[in-house]
């Protein structure tokens, strides 16, 4: 018995992550330099996901073009 043909379904998922970074420095300018170079102690404080959609669906494509 043959296996059913597998198709690719492409999904796009938009995820927003909010992070806060604590930087210890002598001045704002030095803190900014440290932050921009990847320094500091970063914690994720919020995330929002689930805004997704199927951006490529062969079944819908076949239905639209078969008629």
PDB file of N, CA and C in Angstrom:
ATOM      1  N   UNK A   1       0.851  -1.180   0.000  1.00  0.00           N
ATOM      2  CA  UNK A   1       0.000   0.000   0.000  1.00  0.00           C
ATOM      3  C   UNK A   1       0.899   1.246   0.000  1.00  0.00           C
ATOM      4  N   UNK A   2       0.618   2.195  -0.885  1.00  0.00           N
ATOM      5  CA  UNK A   2       1.471   3.382  -0.996  1.00  0.00           C
ATOM      6  C   UNK A   2       1.069   4.446   0.023  1.00  0.00           C
ATOM      7  N   UNK A   3       2.053   5.214   0.410  1.00  0.00           N
ATOM      8  CA  UNK A   3       1.813   6.297   1.359  1.00  0.00           C
ATOM      9  C   UNK A   3       1.162   7.468   0.630  1.00  0.00           C
ATOM     10  N   UNK A   4       0.308   8.228   1.323  1.00  0.00           N
ATOM     11  CA  UNK A   4      -0.268   9.415   0.691  1.00  0.00           C
ATOM     12  C   UNK A   4       0.835  10.436   0.405  1.00  0.00           C
ATOM     13  N   UNK A   5       0.674  11.179  -0.687  1.00  0.00           N
ATOM     14  CA  UNK A   5       1.648  12.195  -1.064  1.00  0.00           C
ATOM     15  C   UNK A   5       1.608  13.347  -0.049  1.00  0.00           C
ATOM     16  N   UNK A   6       2.776  13.709   0.478  1.00  0.00           N
ATOM     17  CA  UNK A   6       2.861  14.805   1.439  1.00  0.00           C
ATOM     18  C   UNK A   6       3.019  16.124   0.699  1.00  0.00           C
ATOM     19  N   UNK A   7       2.371  17.144   1.199  1.00  0.00           N
ATOM     20  CA  UNK A   7       2.439  18.476   0.606  1.00  0.00           C
ATOM     21  C   UNK A   7       3.044  19.431   1.605  1.00  0.00           C
ATOM     22  N   UNK A   8       3.580  20.530   1.097  1.00  0.00           N
ATOM     23  CA  UNK A   8       4.101  21.586   1.965  1.00  0.00           C
ATOM     24  C   UNK A   8       3.014  22.609   2.232  1.00  0.00           C
ATOM     25  N   UNK A   9       2.808  22.921   3.490  1.00  0.00           N
ATOM     26  CA  UNK A   9       1.921  23.995   3.916  1.00  0.00           C
ATOM     27  C   UNK A   9       2.808  25.010   4.633  1.00  0.00           C
ATOM     28  N   UNK A  10       2.817  26.250   4.187  1.00  0.00           N
ATOM     29  CA  UNK A  10       3.697  27.264   4.757  1.00  0.00           C
ATOM     30  C   UNK A  10       2.874  28.202   5.623  1.00  0.00           C
ATOM     31  N   UNK A  11       3.269  28.338   6.876  1.00  0.00           N
ATOM     32  CA  UNK A  11       2.593  29.203   7.826  1.00  0.00           C
ATOM     33  C   UNK A  11       3.515  30.353   8.214  1.00  0.00           C
ATOM     34  N   UNK A  12       2.927  31.521   8.365  1.00  0.00           N
ATOM     35  CA  UNK A  12       3.630  32.699   8.871  1.00  0.00           C
ATOM     36  C   UNK A  12       3.094  32.984  10.264  1.00  0.00           C
ATOM     37  N   UNK A  13       3.997  33.214  11.222  1.00  0.00           N
ATOM     38  CA  UNK A  13       3.594  33.463  12.594  1.00  0.00           C
ATOM     39  C   UNK A  13       4.288  34.726  13.086  1.00  0.00           C
ATOM     40  N   UNK A  14       3.512  35.720  13.492  1.00  0.00           N
ATOM     41  CA  UNK A  14       4.068  36.962  14.017  1.00  0.00           C
ATOM     42  C   UNK A  14       4.110  36.882  15.533  1.00  0.00           C
ATOM     43  N   UNK A  15       5.304  37.047  16.090  1.00  0.00           N
ATOM     44  CA  UNK A  15       5.495  36.979  17.533  1.00  0.00           C
ATOM     45  C   UNK A  15       6.184  38.277  17.970  1.00  0.00           C
ATOM     46  N   UNK A  16       5.630  38.918  18.991  1.00  0.00           N
ATOM     47  CA  UNK A  16       6.225  40.119  19.544  1.00  0.00           C
ATOM     48  C   UNK A  16       6.751  39.801  20.935  1.00  0.00           C
ATOM     49  N   UNK A  17       8.025  40.090  21.156  1.00  0.00           N
ATOM     50  CA  UNK A  17       8.646  39.850  22.461  1.00  0.00           C
ATOM     51  C   UNK A  17       9.163  41.179  22.992  1.00  0.00           C
ATOM     52  N   UNK A  18       8.789  41.503  24.220  1.00  0.00           N
ATOM     53  CA  UNK A  18       9.281  42.715  24.872  1.00  0.00           C
ATOM     54  C   UNK A  18      10.307  42.316  25.920  1.00  0.00           C
ATOM     55  N   UNK A  19      11.491  42.913  25.815  1.00  0.00           N
ATOM     56  CA  UNK A  19      12.552  42.647  26.767  1.00  0.00           C
ATOM     57  C   UNK A  19      12.944  43.945  27.473  1.00  0.00           C
ATOM     58  N   UNK A  20      13.395  43.798  28.723  1.00  0.00           N
ATOM     59  CA  UNK A  20      13.961  44.921  29.461  1.00  0.00           C
ATOM     60  C   UNK A  20      15.391  44.549  29.830  1.00  0.00           C
ATOM     61  N   UNK A  21      16.297  45.502  29.632  1.00  0.00           N
ATOM     62  CA  UNK A  21      17.705  45.266  29.924  1.00  0.00           C
ATOM     63  C   UNK A  21      18.184  46.268  30.963  1.00  0.00           C
ATOM     64  N   UNK A  22      18.785  45.750  32.029  1.00  0.00           N
ATOM     65  CA  UNK A  22      19.367  46.590  33.072  1.00  0.00           C
ATOM     66  C   UNK A  22      20.863  46.675  32.811  1.00  0.00           C
ATOM     67  N   UNK A  23      21.366  47.919  32.694  1.00  0.00           N
ATOM     68  CA  UNK A  23      22.785  48.152  32.445  1.00  0.00           C
ATOM     69  C   UNK A  23      23.329  49.018  33.582  1.00  0.00           C
ATOM     70  N   UNK A  24      24.418  48.568  34.202  1.00  0.00           N
ATOM     71  CA  UNK A  24      25.092  49.369  35.236  1.00  0.00           C
ATOM     72  C   UNK A  24      26.230  50.115  34.557  1.00  0.00           C
ATOM     73  N   UNK A  25      26.206  51.452  34.682  1.00  0.00           N
ATOM     74  CA  UNK A  25      27.242  52.268  34.048  1.00  0.00           C
ATOM     75  C   UNK A  25      27.365  53.595  34.774  1.00  0.00           C
ATOM     76  N   UNK A  26      28.434  54.318  34.467  1.00  0.00           N
ATOM     77  CA  UNK A  26      28.700  55.611  35.098  1.00  0.00           C
ATOM     78  C   UNK A  26      27.872  56.743  34.502  1.00  0.00           C
ATOM     79  N   UNK A  27      27.403  56.574  33.268  1.00  0.00           N
ATOM     80  CA  UNK A  27      26.620  57.626  32.615  1.00  0.00           C
ATOM     81  C   UNK A  27      25.676  56.996  31.597  1.00  0.00           C
ATOM     82  N   UNK A  28      24.714  57.792  31.145  1.00  0.00           N
ATOM     83  CA  UNK A  28      23.757  57.320  30.144  1.00  0.00           C
ATOM     84  C   UNK A  28      24.473  56.921  28.863  1.00  0.00           C
ATOM     85  N   UNK A  29      25.438  57.736  28.440  1.00  0.00           N
ATOM     86  CA  UNK A  29      26.159  57.448  27.204  1.00  0.00           C
ATOM     87  C   UNK A  29      26.892  56.116  27.278  1.00  0.00           C
ATOM     88  N   UNK A  30      27.546  55.852  28.418  1.00  0.00           N
ATOM     89  CA  UNK A  30      28.249  54.578  28.594  1.00  0.00           C
ATOM     90  C   UNK A  30      27.247  53.423  28.670  1.00  0.00           C
ATOM     91  N   UNK A  31      26.124  53.643  29.351  1.00  0.00           N
ATOM     92  CA  UNK A  31      25.088  52.602  29.430  1.00  0.00           C
ATOM     93  C   UNK A  31      24.550  52.282  28.042  1.00  0.00           C
ATOM     94  N   UNK A  32      24.341  53.310  27.232  1.00  0.00           N
ATOM     95  CA  UNK A  32      23.847  53.111  25.874  1.00  0.00           C
ATOM     96  C   UNK A  32      24.854  52.305  25.053  1.00  0.00           C
ATOM     97  N   UNK A  33      26.146  52.625  25.169  1.00  0.00           N
ATOM     98  CA  UNK A  33      27.186  51.877  24.453  1.00  0.00           C
ATOM     99  C   UNK A  33      27.199  50.410  24.876  1.00  0.00           C
ATOM    100  N   UNK A  34      27.070  50.176  26.186  1.00  0.00           N
ATOM    101  CA  UNK A  34      27.056  48.800  26.703  1.00  0.00           C
ATOM    102  C   UNK A  34      25.833  48.056  26.165  1.00  0.00           C
ATOM    103  N   UNK A  35      24.669  48.705  26.223  1.00  0.00           N
ATOM    104  CA  UNK A  35      23.440  48.078  25.747  1.00  0.00           C
ATOM    105  C   UNK A  35      23.533  47.745  24.260  1.00  0.00           C
ATOM    106  N   UNK A  36      23.991  48.692  23.456  1.00  0.00           N
ATOM    107  CA  UNK A  36      24.060  48.485  22.003  1.00  0.00           C
ATOM    108  C   UNK A  36      25.096  47.439  21.607  1.00  0.00           C
ATOM    109  N   UNK A  37      26.048  47.155  22.495  1.00  0.00           N
ATOM    110  CA  UNK A  37      27.035  46.114  22.197  1.00  0.00           C
ATOM    111  C   UNK A  37      26.623  44.762  22.777  1.00  0.00           C
ATOM    112  N   UNK A  38      25.386  44.677  23.285  1.00  0.00           N
ATOM    113  CA  UNK A  38      24.858  43.399  23.761  1.00  0.00           C
ATOM    114  C   UNK A  38      25.064  43.143  25.234  1.00  0.00           C
ATOM    115  N   UNK A  39      25.499  44.151  25.976  1.00  0.00           N
ATOM    116  CA  UNK A  39      25.733  43.963  27.398  1.00  0.00           C
ATOM    117  C   UNK A  39      24.483  44.199  28.227  1.00  0.00           C
ATOM    118  N   UNK A  40      24.616  43.982  29.523  1.00  0.00           N
ATOM    119  CA  UNK A  40      23.508  44.177  30.440  1.00  0.00           C
ATOM    120  C   UNK A  40      22.815  42.874  30.781  1.00  0.00           C
ATOM    121  N   UNK A  41      21.842  42.974  31.677  1.00  0.00           N
ATOM    122  CA  UNK A  41      21.078  41.817  32.135  1.00  0.00           C
ATOM    123  C   UNK A  41      19.668  41.927  31.562  1.00  0.00           C
ATOM    124  N   UNK A  42      19.348  41.059  30.611  1.00  0.00           N
ATOM    125  CA  UNK A  42      18.086  41.157  29.885  1.00  0.00           C
ATOM    126  C   UNK A  42      17.093  40.097  30.353  1.00  0.00           C
ATOM    127  N   UNK A  43      15.843  40.530  30.573  1.00  0.00           N
ATOM    128  CA  UNK A  43      14.741  39.636  30.925  1.00  0.00           C
ATOM    129  C   UNK A  43      13.586  39.862  29.962  1.00  0.00           C
ATOM    130  N   UNK A  44      12.934  38.772  29.601  1.00  0.00           N
ATOM    131  CA  UNK A  44      11.718  38.880  28.787  1.00  0.00           C
ATOM    132  C   UNK A  44      10.565  39.242  29.719  1.00  0.00           C
ATOM    133  N   UNK A  45       9.870  40.347  29.436  1.00  0.00           N
ATOM    134  CA  UNK A  45       8.798  40.788  30.307  1.00  0.00           C
ATOM    135  C   UNK A  45       7.410  40.569  29.715  1.00  0.00           C
ATOM    136  N   UNK A  46       7.344  40.359  28.405  1.00  0.00           N
ATOM    137  CA  UNK A  46       6.039  40.144  27.774  1.00  0.00           C
ATOM    138  C   UNK A  46       6.258  39.496  26.422  1.00  0.00           C
ATOM    139  N   UNK A  47       5.312  38.676  26.010  1.00  0.00           N
ATOM    140  CA  UNK A  47       5.342  38.123  24.660  1.00  0.00           C
ATOM    141  C   UNK A  47       3.914  37.962  24.174  1.00  0.00           C
ATOM    142  N   UNK A  48       3.757  38.158  22.903  1.00  0.00           N
ATOM    143  CA  UNK A  48       2.440  38.058  22.298  1.00  0.00           C
ATOM    144  C   UNK A  48       2.595  37.322  20.979  1.00  0.00           C
ATOM    145  N   UNK A  49       1.992  36.166  20.884  1.00  0.00           N
ATOM    146  CA  UNK A  49       2.062  35.372  19.666  1.00  0.00           C
ATOM    147  C   UNK A  49       0.673  34.962  19.240  1.00  0.00           C
ATOM    148  N   UNK A  50       0.607  34.235  18.177  1.00  0.00           N
ATOM    149  CA  UNK A  50      -0.659  33.691  17.737  1.00  0.00           C
ATOM    150  C   UNK A  50      -1.285  34.413  16.573  1.00  0.00           C
ATOM    151  N   UNK A  51      -0.642  35.471  16.071  1.00  0.00           N
ATOM    152  CA  UNK A  51      -1.155  36.140  14.881  1.00  0.00           C
ATOM    153  C   UNK A  51      -0.556  35.419  13.680  1.00  0.00           C
ATOM    154  N   UNK A  52      -1.172  34.284  13.333  1.00  0.00           N
ATOM    155  CA  UNK A  52      -0.614  33.449  12.284  1.00  0.00           C
ATOM    156  C   UNK A  52      -1.586  33.289  11.139  1.00  0.00           C
ATOM    157  N   UNK A  53      -1.059  32.884  10.000  1.00  0.00           N
ATOM    158  CA  UNK A  53      -1.883  32.582   8.835  1.00  0.00           C
ATOM    159  C   UNK A  53      -1.139  31.585   7.968  1.00  0.00           C
ATOM    160  N   UNK A  54      -1.889  30.848   7.214  1.00  0.00           N
ATOM    161  CA  UNK A  54      -1.296  29.943   6.242  1.00  0.00           C
ATOM    162  C   UNK A  54      -1.078  30.757   4.969  1.00  0.00           C
ATOM    163  N   UNK A  55       0.183  30.957   4.587  1.00  0.00           N
ATOM    164  CA  UNK A  55       0.470  31.818   3.442  1.00  0.00           C
ATOM    165  C   UNK A  55       0.626  31.035   2.145  1.00  0.00           C
ATOM    166  N   UNK A  56       0.726  29.726   2.249  1.00  0.00           N
ATOM    167  CA  UNK A  56       0.790  28.908   1.036  1.00  0.00           C
ATOM    168  C   UNK A  56       0.113  27.585   1.326  1.00  0.00           C
ATOM    169  N   UNK A  57      -1.019  27.359   0.681  1.00  0.00           N
ATOM    170  CA  UNK A  57      -1.802  26.160   0.930  1.00  0.00           C
ATOM    171  C   UNK A  57      -2.106  25.495  -0.404  1.00  0.00           C
ATOM    172  N   UNK A  58      -1.411  24.423  -0.723  1.00  0.00           N
ATOM    173  CA  UNK A  58      -1.630  23.770  -2.017  1.00  0.00           C
ATOM    174  C   UNK A  58      -3.064  23.317  -2.248  1.00  0.00           C
ATOM    175  N   UNK A  59      -3.797  22.943  -1.183  1.00  0.00           N
ATOM    176  CA  UNK A  59      -5.174  22.502  -1.372  1.00  0.00           C
ATOM    177  C   UNK A  59      -6.040  23.629  -1.906  1.00  0.00           C
ATOM    178  N   UNK A  60      -5.909  24.833  -1.331  1.00  0.00           N
ATOM    179  CA  UNK A  60      -6.686  25.975  -1.826  1.00  0.00           C
ATOM    180  C   UNK A  60      -6.258  26.318  -3.245  1.00  0.00           C
ATOM    181  N   UNK A  61      -4.967  26.261  -3.547  1.00  0.00           N
ATOM    182  CA  UNK A  61      -4.457  26.581  -4.866  1.00  0.00           C
ATOM    183  C   UNK A  61      -5.037  25.622  -5.909  1.00  0.00           C
ATOM    184  N   UNK A  62      -5.052  24.319  -5.574  1.00  0.00           N
ATOM    185  CA  UNK A  62      -5.585  23.321  -6.504  1.00  0.00           C
ATOM    186  C   UNK A  62      -7.083  23.534  -6.734  1.00  0.00           C
ATOM    187  N   UNK A  63      -7.830  23.861  -5.683  1.00  0.00           N
ATOM    188  CA  UNK A  63      -9.273  24.086  -5.819  1.00  0.00           C
ATOM    189  C   UNK A  63      -9.543  25.290  -6.727  1.00  0.00           C
ATOM    190  N   UNK A  64      -8.760  26.373  -6.569  1.00  0.00           N
ATOM    191  CA  UNK A  64      -8.970  27.586  -7.358  1.00  0.00           C
ATOM    192  C   UNK A  64      -8.666  27.341  -8.831  1.00  0.00           C
ATOM    193  N   UNK A  65      -7.671  26.499  -9.129  1.00  0.00           N
ATOM    194  CA  UNK A  65      -7.237  26.306 -10.506  1.00  0.00           C
ATOM    195  C   UNK A  65      -7.859  25.081 -11.178  1.00  0.00           C
ATOM    196  N   UNK A  66      -8.698  24.339 -10.481  1.00  0.00           N
ATOM    197  CA  UNK A  66      -9.261  23.130 -11.082  1.00  0.00           C
ATOM    198  C   UNK A  66     -10.617  23.385 -11.707  1.00  0.00           C
ATOM    199  N   UNK A  67     -11.145  24.580 -11.586  1.00  0.00           N
ATOM    200  CA  UNK A  67     -12.497  24.820 -12.065  1.00  0.00           C
ATOM    201  C   UNK A  67     -12.535  25.540 -13.287  1.00  0.00           C
TER     202      UNK A  67
END
